Amino acid sequence: MYDCIVVGAGPSGASSAYHLAKLGRRVLVLEKEVLPRYKPCGGGVSPQVQEWFDFDFSPAISVTINQIRYTWQSQDPQIMPLKTVSPVWMVRRDIFDHFLIRQSQNQGAEVRFPVTVTGIEWQSDRWLIKTPEEVFAGKFVIACDGAKGAMAKWLGFKERKRRMGAALEVEAPVPHPDTQSAHFDFGAVHNGYIWNFPKQDGYSIGVGTFLGGEKQNLKEIGAKYAQNFGVDFHQVKQYGHPLCLWDGDQPLHTQNALLAGESACVVDPFTAEGIRPALLTGMLAGKAVDRALSGDSQALANYSAQVHEEWGIDMAWAKRISQIFYRVPSFAYQIGIKRPGATRRMGQILCGELRYRDVAAHAVKSLTKGLLGGKG
């Protein structure tokens, strides 16, 4: 009998397991892939996450960047230095995720892979987690199996609030990548953007659309953009994947179980940032289960409320900004990107020094006034 079974060994699963095991709980993590495993992801991480852990992330960071380069359809470049306390991290997810799960193992968490969960069943006072080889029993479950995982449905979260986005990404080896800048390009893709994040030995180039409903040839859009960096998009393996974007607050708890990470639909609907909210919700979920094991009957409900307070309030603002920005991107590029104050504040949001709630009301007002013909 485990105190908690965590399904999924990504950032939210590793974070949950780390914090629970550190508190002395018996934790089992089940992961369907062989670790370490490749994960398509731009790999940008806010340095804010260091506040939530007591170990040094440096071994898992590929490069750090101190500036952002914005373009409009590969033209009209704008260079924005990140005048923040800490630079933004760029990571490779196979290295980063495996590093995190090893930290949870160092605290005593048990990790099994490759193990495919085939079903779950509540029995009296425990969850039975079924796999082809055996059945595991746990007092609590944290579902961290991502956008395509089945755990949320099996737990009864059938009509979750979520906006489905889509992304296509490649990892391109480059002998001498520009490791100074993260690149964002607007205008070539509807309701989204193109990104190019540097790593020590190459680039992670991706195309994403975040409002949903658009049929676009992401492959051709990405291929054309990648030529700017000497990358042949068609000669490297491409990875397409869905995104579970935040689309409103909702309960993230049920009978002795919680959702965290993309299973909880907490990806930023404006920037598509997913690693920071995964680590945050994983930490909060682990601590909530610890309180529940200690007899706090409201611990799981309070988890849902805490995610709303710590993340959901800001995501409501992010959603409003995204709905304006991506509907009128040319105007938004002029009013929101080419103004140093706006991009400086966005950099502070990415680094965790500001929240959307601190600046978004002004941003929405400026964008709206410009659309109505007023002064931006």
Protein backbone atom coordinates (compact mmCIF):
# COMPACT_ATOMS: atom_id res chain seq x y z
CA MET A 1 0.00 0.00 0.00
CA TYR A 2 1.47 3.32 -1.13
CA ASP A 3 0.49 6.64 0.40
CA CYS A 4 0.23 8.06 -3.12
CA ILE A 5 0.64 6.80 -6.67
CA VAL A 6 1.69 9.40 -9.24
CA VAL A 7 0.90 8.55 -12.86
CA GLY A 8 3.37 10.26 -15.19
CA ALA A 9 7.02 11.22 -14.66
CA GLY A 10 7.04 14.60 -16.39
CA PRO A 11 7.64 17.85 -14.48
CA SER A 12 4.31 17.76 -12.61
CA GLY A 13 4.73 14.10 -11.65
CA ALA A 14 8.33 14.55 -10.56
CA SER A 15 7.41 17.66 -8.59
CA SER A 16 4.54 15.88 -6.83
CA ALA A 17 6.71 12.89 -5.99
CA TYR A 18 9.61 15.01 -4.78
CA HIS A 19 7.57 17.07 -2.34
CA LEU A 20 5.59 14.10 -1.04
CA ALA A 21 8.62 11.89 -0.58
CA LYS A 22 10.51 14.71 1.10
CA LEU A 23 7.68 14.85 3.63
CA GLY A 24 8.23 11.18 4.43
CA ARG A 25 5.39 9.67 2.41
CA ARG A 26 5.64 6.40 0.50
CA VAL A 27 5.32 7.37 -3.16
CA LEU A 28 5.22 5.34 -6.37
CA VAL A 29 5.64 6.96 -9.80
CA LEU A 30 4.48 5.04 -12.87
CA GLU A 31 5.79 6.16 -16.26
CA LYS A 32 4.86 4.57 -19.59
CA GLU A 33 8.09 5.52 -21.40
CA VAL A 34 11.65 4.38 -20.85
CA LEU A 35 13.56 7.08 -18.99
CA PRO A 36 15.22 9.28 -19.99
CA ARG A 37 12.86 9.90 -22.91
CA TYR A 38 12.62 12.58 -25.56
CA LYS A 39 9.82 15.10 -25.16
CA PRO A 40 8.98 17.67 -27.86
CA CYS A 41 9.06 21.02 -26.10
CA GLY A 42 10.63 24.43 -26.63
CA GLY A 43 12.14 24.02 -23.19
CA GLY A 44 11.88 27.56 -21.85
CA VAL A 45 11.73 27.59 -18.05
CA SER A 46 11.11 30.50 -15.71
CA PRO A 47 13.87 30.81 -13.07
CA GLN A 48 11.05 31.37 -10.57
CA VAL A 49 10.74 27.59 -10.20
CA GLN A 50 13.98 27.51 -8.20
CA GLU A 51 11.99 28.99 -5.27
CA TRP A 52 9.94 25.80 -4.96
CA PHE A 53 12.82 23.34 -4.60
CA ASP A 54 15.84 23.04 -2.33
CA PHE A 55 18.25 21.62 -4.92
CA ASP A 56 20.26 23.36 -7.62
CA PHE A 57 18.82 23.09 -11.16
CA SER A 58 22.11 24.04 -12.85
CA PRO A 59 23.00 20.50 -14.03
CA ALA A 60 19.74 20.33 -15.98
CA ILE A 61 20.02 23.72 -17.74
CA SER A 62 21.34 23.73 -21.30
CA VAL A 63 21.80 27.51 -21.72
CA THR A 64 20.46 30.73 -20.24
CA ILE A 65 19.26 33.64 -22.35
CA ASN A 66 19.27 37.34 -21.52
CA GLN A 67 17.36 38.76 -24.44
CA ILE A 68 14.38 38.10 -26.68
CA ARG A 69 14.30 38.78 -30.40
CA TYR A 70 10.84 39.44 -31.83
CA THR A 71 10.04 39.56 -35.56
CA TRP A 72 6.98 40.08 -37.74
CA GLN A 73 6.98 37.50 -40.53
CA SER A 74 10.78 37.25 -40.13
CA GLN A 75 11.13 41.02 -40.61
CA ASP A 76 11.10 44.16 -38.44
CA PRO A 77 13.24 42.69 -35.64
CA GLN A 78 12.95 44.00 -32.10
CA ILE A 79 15.64 43.08 -29.56
CA MET A 80 14.49 43.15 -25.95
CA PRO A 81 17.13 42.70 -23.21
CA LEU A 82 15.74 40.82 -20.21
CA LYS A 83 16.46 43.26 -17.41
CA THR A 84 15.54 40.73 -14.78
CA VAL A 85 17.29 39.34 -11.73
CA SER A 86 17.75 35.91 -13.33
CA PRO A 87 17.95 34.90 -17.01
CA VAL A 88 15.44 32.50 -18.57
CA TRP A 89 16.55 28.86 -18.67
CA MET A 90 16.58 26.73 -21.79
CA VAL A 91 16.44 22.99 -21.16
CA ARG A 92 16.26 19.72 -23.04
CA ARG A 93 13.30 17.86 -21.68
CA ASP A 94 14.92 14.41 -21.66
CA ILE A 95 17.70 15.75 -19.43
CA PHE A 96 15.51 18.11 -17.38
CA ASP A 97 12.72 15.62 -16.67
CA HIS A 98 15.11 12.81 -15.82
CA PHE A 99 17.04 15.12 -13.49
CA LEU A 100 13.82 15.99 -11.69
CA ILE A 101 12.67 12.40 -11.28
CA ARG A 102 16.09 11.45 -9.91
CA GLN A 103 15.68 14.13 -7.26
CA SER A 104 12.42 12.51 -6.19
CA GLN A 105 14.17 9.13 -6.04
CA ASN A 106 16.84 10.69 -3.84
CA GLN A 107 14.05 11.56 -1.42
CA GLY A 108 12.79 7.97 -1.41
CA ALA A 109 10.18 7.90 -4.16
CA GLU A 110 9.93 4.63 -6.08
CA VAL A 111 9.85 4.99 -9.88
CA ARG A 112 8.82 2.22 -12.28
CA PHE A 113 9.07 2.36 -16.08
CA PRO A 114 8.04 1.47 -18.69
CA VAL A 115 4.65 0.75 -17.13
CA THR A 116 1.37 1.39 -18.92
CA VAL A 117 -1.65 2.09 -16.75
CA THR A 118 -4.65 0.31 -18.27
CA GLY A 119 -7.36 1.25 -15.78
CA ILE A 120 -8.19 2.36 -12.25
CA GLU A 121 -10.73 1.33 -9.64
CA TRP A 122 -11.78 2.78 -6.29
CA GLN A 123 -12.10 0.01 -3.73
CA SER A 124 -13.27 0.84 -0.22
CA ASP A 125 -10.42 3.11 0.95
CA ARG A 126 -7.87 2.93 -1.84
CA TRP A 127 -7.23 3.31 -5.53
CA LEU A 128 -6.23 0.23 -7.51
CA ILE A 129 -4.01 1.16 -10.44
CA LYS A 130 -4.07 -1.57 -13.06
CA THR A 131 -1.20 -2.42 -15.42
CA PRO A 132 -0.58 -5.42 -17.67
CA GLU A 133 1.80 -6.95 -15.12
CA GLU A 134 0.28 -6.14 -11.74
CA VAL A 135 -2.10 -3.99 -9.72
CA PHE A 136 -0.81 -1.28 -7.37
CA ALA A 137 -2.75 0.09 -4.40
CA GLY A 138 -2.53 3.66 -3.17
CA LYS A 139 -4.47 5.76 -0.68
CA PHE A 140 -4.28 8.74 -3.07
CA VAL A 141 -3.57 9.30 -6.75
CA ILE A 142 -2.12 12.30 -8.59
CA ALA A 143 -2.76 12.23 -12.34
CA CYS A 144 0.15 13.76 -14.25
CA ASP A 145 -0.21 11.94 -17.58
CA GLY A 146 -0.52 15.01 -19.80
CA ALA A 147 -2.76 16.27 -22.57
CA LYS A 148 -3.33 12.85 -24.13
CA GLY A 149 -3.60 10.88 -20.88
CA ALA A 150 -6.67 8.91 -19.85
CA MET A 151 -6.45 9.38 -16.08
CA ALA A 152 -8.66 12.49 -15.91
CA LYS A 153 -11.46 10.71 -17.77
CA TRP A 154 -11.11 7.57 -15.66
CA LEU A 155 -11.31 9.69 -12.52
CA GLY A 156 -14.60 11.21 -13.69
CA PHE A 157 -13.42 14.56 -15.11
CA LYS A 158 -15.40 14.09 -18.30
CA GLU A 159 -16.21 17.68 -19.27
CA ARG A 160 -13.09 19.60 -18.40
CA LYS A 161 -12.72 23.26 -19.30
CA ARG A 162 -9.86 23.39 -21.74
CA ARG A 163 -8.88 25.00 -24.98
CA MET A 164 -6.96 22.64 -27.22
CA GLY A 165 -4.01 24.13 -29.04
CA ALA A 166 -1.56 22.40 -31.33
CA ALA A 167 2.18 22.56 -31.87
CA LEU A 168 4.71 21.12 -34.30
CA GLU A 169 8.35 21.09 -33.19
CA VAL A 170 11.78 19.97 -34.34
CA GLU A 171 15.14 19.65 -32.58
CA ALA A 172 17.75 20.79 -35.07
CA PRO A 173 21.48 20.26 -34.44
CA VAL A 174 23.50 23.36 -35.30
CA PRO A 175 27.31 23.56 -34.86
CA HIS A 176 27.34 27.08 -33.40
CA PRO A 177 23.87 28.19 -32.37
CA ASP A 178 23.13 31.74 -31.25
CA THR A 179 22.72 31.09 -27.54
CA GLN A 180 22.08 34.72 -26.62
CA SER A 181 18.47 35.09 -27.73
CA ALA A 182 15.11 33.38 -27.67
CA HIS A 183 13.28 34.12 -30.93
CA PHE A 184 9.55 34.73 -31.38
CA ASP A 185 7.96 35.40 -34.76
CA PHE A 186 4.40 36.64 -35.24
CA GLY A 187 2.20 37.00 -38.31
CA ALA A 188 3.10 33.83 -40.21
CA VAL A 189 0.80 31.57 -38.15
CA HIS A 190 -2.79 32.44 -37.26
CA ASN A 191 -3.66 32.68 -33.56
CA GLY A 192 -0.19 31.75 -32.39
CA TYR A 193 3.49 32.25 -33.10
CA ILE A 194 6.73 30.57 -34.13
CA TRP A 195 9.56 30.13 -31.65
CA ASN A 196 13.21 29.25 -31.82
CA PHE A 197 14.87 28.47 -28.51
CA PRO A 198 18.64 27.82 -28.42
CA LYS A 199 20.32 24.88 -26.73
CA GLN A 200 24.01 24.12 -26.37
CA ASP A 201 24.21 22.31 -29.70
CA GLY A 202 21.19 23.41 -31.70
CA TYR A 203 17.70 24.87 -31.79
CA SER A 204 14.21 23.87 -30.77
CA ILE A 205 12.01 25.36 -33.46
CA GLY A 206 8.26 25.15 -33.13
CA VAL A 207 5.00 26.47 -34.55
CA GLY A 208 1.94 26.72 -32.34
CA THR A 209 -1.66 27.84 -32.64
CA PHE A 210 -3.49 28.55 -29.41
CA LEU A 211 -7.07 29.68 -30.02
CA GLY A 212 -8.21 26.48 -31.71
CA GLY A 213 -10.30 25.76 -34.77
CA GLU A 214 -7.81 26.82 -37.43
CA LYS A 215 -6.52 24.47 -40.09
CA GLN A 216 -3.03 25.54 -41.06
CA ASN A 217 -0.07 23.82 -42.63
CA LEU A 218 2.21 24.14 -39.64
CA LYS A 219 4.86 22.05 -41.38
CA GLU A 220 5.26 24.47 -44.29
CA ILE A 221 5.09 27.53 -42.03
CA GLY A 222 7.83 26.09 -39.83
CA ALA A 223 9.96 25.02 -42.79
CA LYS A 224 9.95 28.50 -44.28
CA TYR A 225 10.88 30.11 -40.98
CA ALA A 226 13.63 27.57 -40.19
CA GLN A 227 15.49 28.56 -43.36
CA ASN A 228 16.41 31.81 -41.59
CA PHE A 229 18.63 29.73 -39.28
CA GLY A 230 20.05 27.37 -41.86
CA VAL A 231 17.76 24.54 -40.76
CA ASP A 232 16.06 22.22 -43.23
CA PHE A 233 12.79 21.48 -41.43
CA HIS A 234 12.15 18.45 -43.63
CA GLN A 235 15.46 16.77 -42.79
CA VAL A 236 14.87 16.52 -39.03
CA LYS A 237 12.22 14.54 -37.20
CA GLN A 238 9.02 16.48 -36.56
CA TYR A 239 6.85 16.07 -33.50
CA GLY A 240 3.24 17.20 -33.39
CA HIS A 241 1.34 17.32 -30.12
CA PRO A 242 -1.78 18.85 -28.54
CA LEU A 243 -1.73 21.49 -25.81
CA CYS A 244 -4.22 21.61 -22.91
CA LEU A 245 -4.54 25.37 -22.49
CA TRP A 246 -6.23 26.98 -19.49
CA ASP A 247 -9.83 27.93 -20.32
CA GLY A 248 -11.36 28.65 -16.92
CA ASP A 249 -11.12 27.54 -13.32
CA GLN A 250 -12.57 24.16 -12.42
CA PRO A 251 -12.33 21.51 -9.71
CA LEU A 252 -9.09 19.58 -9.90
CA HIS A 253 -9.94 17.14 -7.11
CA THR A 254 -12.18 14.13 -6.68
CA GLN A 255 -12.29 11.09 -4.38
CA ASN A 256 -8.71 10.82 -3.05
CA ALA A 257 -7.28 12.08 -6.34
CA LEU A 258 -5.89 15.25 -7.91
CA LEU A 259 -4.99 16.48 -11.39
CA ALA A 260 -1.72 18.33 -12.01
CA GLY A 261 0.21 19.68 -15.00
CA GLU A 262 -1.42 19.43 -18.43
CA SER A 263 -3.93 16.96 -17.01
CA ALA A 264 -5.18 19.98 -15.03
CA CYS A 265 -5.26 22.18 -18.19
CA VAL A 266 -2.98 24.86 -16.75
CA VAL A 267 -0.87 25.76 -19.81
CA ASP A 268 -0.70 29.54 -20.33
CA PRO A 269 -3.24 30.41 -23.09
CA PHE A 270 -1.17 33.40 -24.26
CA THR A 271 2.42 32.11 -24.30
CA ALA A 272 1.75 28.32 -24.11
CA GLU A 273 4.17 28.13 -21.18
CA GLY A 274 3.70 24.75 -19.54
CA ILE A 275 6.73 23.75 -17.44
CA ARG A 276 6.33 26.36 -14.71
CA PRO A 277 2.62 25.60 -14.06
CA ALA A 278 3.42 21.87 -14.17
CA LEU A 279 6.03 22.25 -11.44
CA LEU A 280 3.78 24.57 -9.44
CA THR A 281 0.70 22.33 -9.53
CA GLY A 282 2.86 19.28 -8.85
CA MET A 283 4.25 20.91 -5.73
CA LEU A 284 0.82 22.06 -4.54
CA ALA A 285 -0.68 18.62 -5.23
CA GLY A 286 2.04 16.83 -3.29
CA LYS A 287 1.62 19.09 -0.29
CA ALA A 288 -2.18 18.76 -0.45
CA VAL A 289 -1.99 14.96 -0.39
CA ASP A 290 0.38 15.16 2.58
CA ARG A 291 -2.19 17.26 4.46
CA ALA A 292 -4.98 14.86 3.51
CA LEU A 293 -2.94 11.91 4.79
CA SER A 294 -2.59 13.81 8.06
CA GLY A 295 -6.37 14.05 8.38
CA ASP A 296 -7.25 17.38 6.73
CA SER A 297 -10.61 16.61 5.10
CA GLN A 298 -10.53 19.85 3.05
CA ALA A 299 -6.99 19.46 1.72
CA LEU A 300 -7.95 18.33 -1.78
CA ALA A 301 -10.68 20.95 -2.21
CA ASN A 302 -8.25 23.57 -0.97
CA TYR A 303 -5.82 22.42 -3.68
CA SER A 304 -8.31 23.39 -6.38
CA ALA A 305 -8.77 26.77 -4.69
CA GLN A 306 -5.03 27.28 -4.33
CA VAL A 307 -4.36 26.57 -8.00
CA HIS A 308 -7.01 29.16 -8.82
CA GLU A 309 -5.35 31.73 -6.55
CA GLU A 310 -1.75 31.00 -7.52
CA TRP A 311 -2.28 30.48 -11.26
CA GLY A 312 -5.90 30.71 -12.43
CA ILE A 313 -6.41 34.41 -11.67
CA ASP A 314 -3.43 35.26 -13.86
CA MET A 315 -4.54 32.86 -16.59
CA ALA A 316 -7.89 34.65 -16.80
CA TRP A 317 -5.95 37.79 -17.73
CA ALA A 318 -3.68 35.82 -20.08
CA LYS A 319 -6.75 34.51 -21.88
CA ARG A 320 -8.15 38.02 -22.35
CA ILE A 321 -4.86 39.26 -23.74
CA SER A 322 -4.53 36.27 -26.08
CA GLN A 323 -8.03 36.78 -27.48
CA ILE A 324 -7.18 40.36 -28.42
CA PHE A 325 -3.56 39.83 -29.42
CA TYR A 326 -4.03 36.86 -31.74
CA ARG A 327 -7.15 38.25 -33.41
CA VAL A 328 -5.35 41.43 -34.46
CA PRO A 329 -1.68 40.42 -34.44
CA SER A 330 -0.35 43.14 -36.76
CA PHE A 331 -1.80 45.87 -34.57
CA ALA A 332 -0.80 44.03 -31.40
CA TYR A 333 2.79 43.73 -32.64
CA GLN A 334 2.96 47.50 -33.00
CA ILE A 335 1.27 48.29 -29.70
CA GLY A 336 2.45 45.38 -27.56
CA ILE A 337 5.83 44.28 -28.92
CA LYS A 338 7.49 47.41 -30.29
CA ARG A 339 6.92 49.35 -27.10
CA PRO A 340 9.87 48.78 -24.74
CA GLY A 341 7.74 49.09 -21.60
CA ALA A 342 5.34 46.37 -22.72
CA THR A 343 8.06 43.88 -23.66
CA ARG A 344 10.00 44.65 -20.48
CA ARG A 345 6.95 43.78 -18.39
CA MET A 346 6.41 40.59 -20.41
CA GLY A 347 9.97 39.56 -19.64
CA GLN A 348 9.32 40.15 -15.95
CA ILE A 349 6.19 37.97 -16.17
CA LEU A 350 8.18 35.16 -17.82
CA CYS A 351 10.77 35.36 -15.04
CA GLY A 352 8.18 35.42 -12.26
CA GLU A 353 8.98 38.96 -11.13
CA LEU A 354 5.53 40.21 -12.16
CA ARG A 355 2.16 38.55 -12.57
CA TYR A 356 -0.39 39.10 -15.31
CA ARG A 357 -2.72 40.52 -12.68
CA ASP A 358 -0.17 43.27 -11.99
CA VAL A 359 -0.09 44.66 -15.52
CA ALA A 360 -2.78 43.02 -17.67
CA ALA A 361 -5.61 45.48 -16.99
CA HIS A 362 -3.48 48.26 -18.46
CA ALA A 363 -2.43 46.04 -21.40
CA VAL A 364 -6.03 45.12 -22.25
CA LYS A 365 -7.07 48.76 -21.97
CA SER A 366 -4.25 49.87 -24.30
CA LEU A 367 -5.03 47.22 -26.91
CA THR A 368 -8.76 47.93 -26.77
CA LYS A 369 -8.33 51.71 -27.03
CA GLY A 370 -6.09 51.24 -30.06
CA LEU A 371 -8.67 49.01 -31.74
CA LEU A 372 -11.38 51.59 -31.10
CA GLY A 373 -9.26 54.34 -32.60
CA GLY A 374 -8.05 55.92 -29.39
CA LYS A 375 -4.49 56.54 -28.34
CA GLY A 376 -2.60 53.30 -27.63
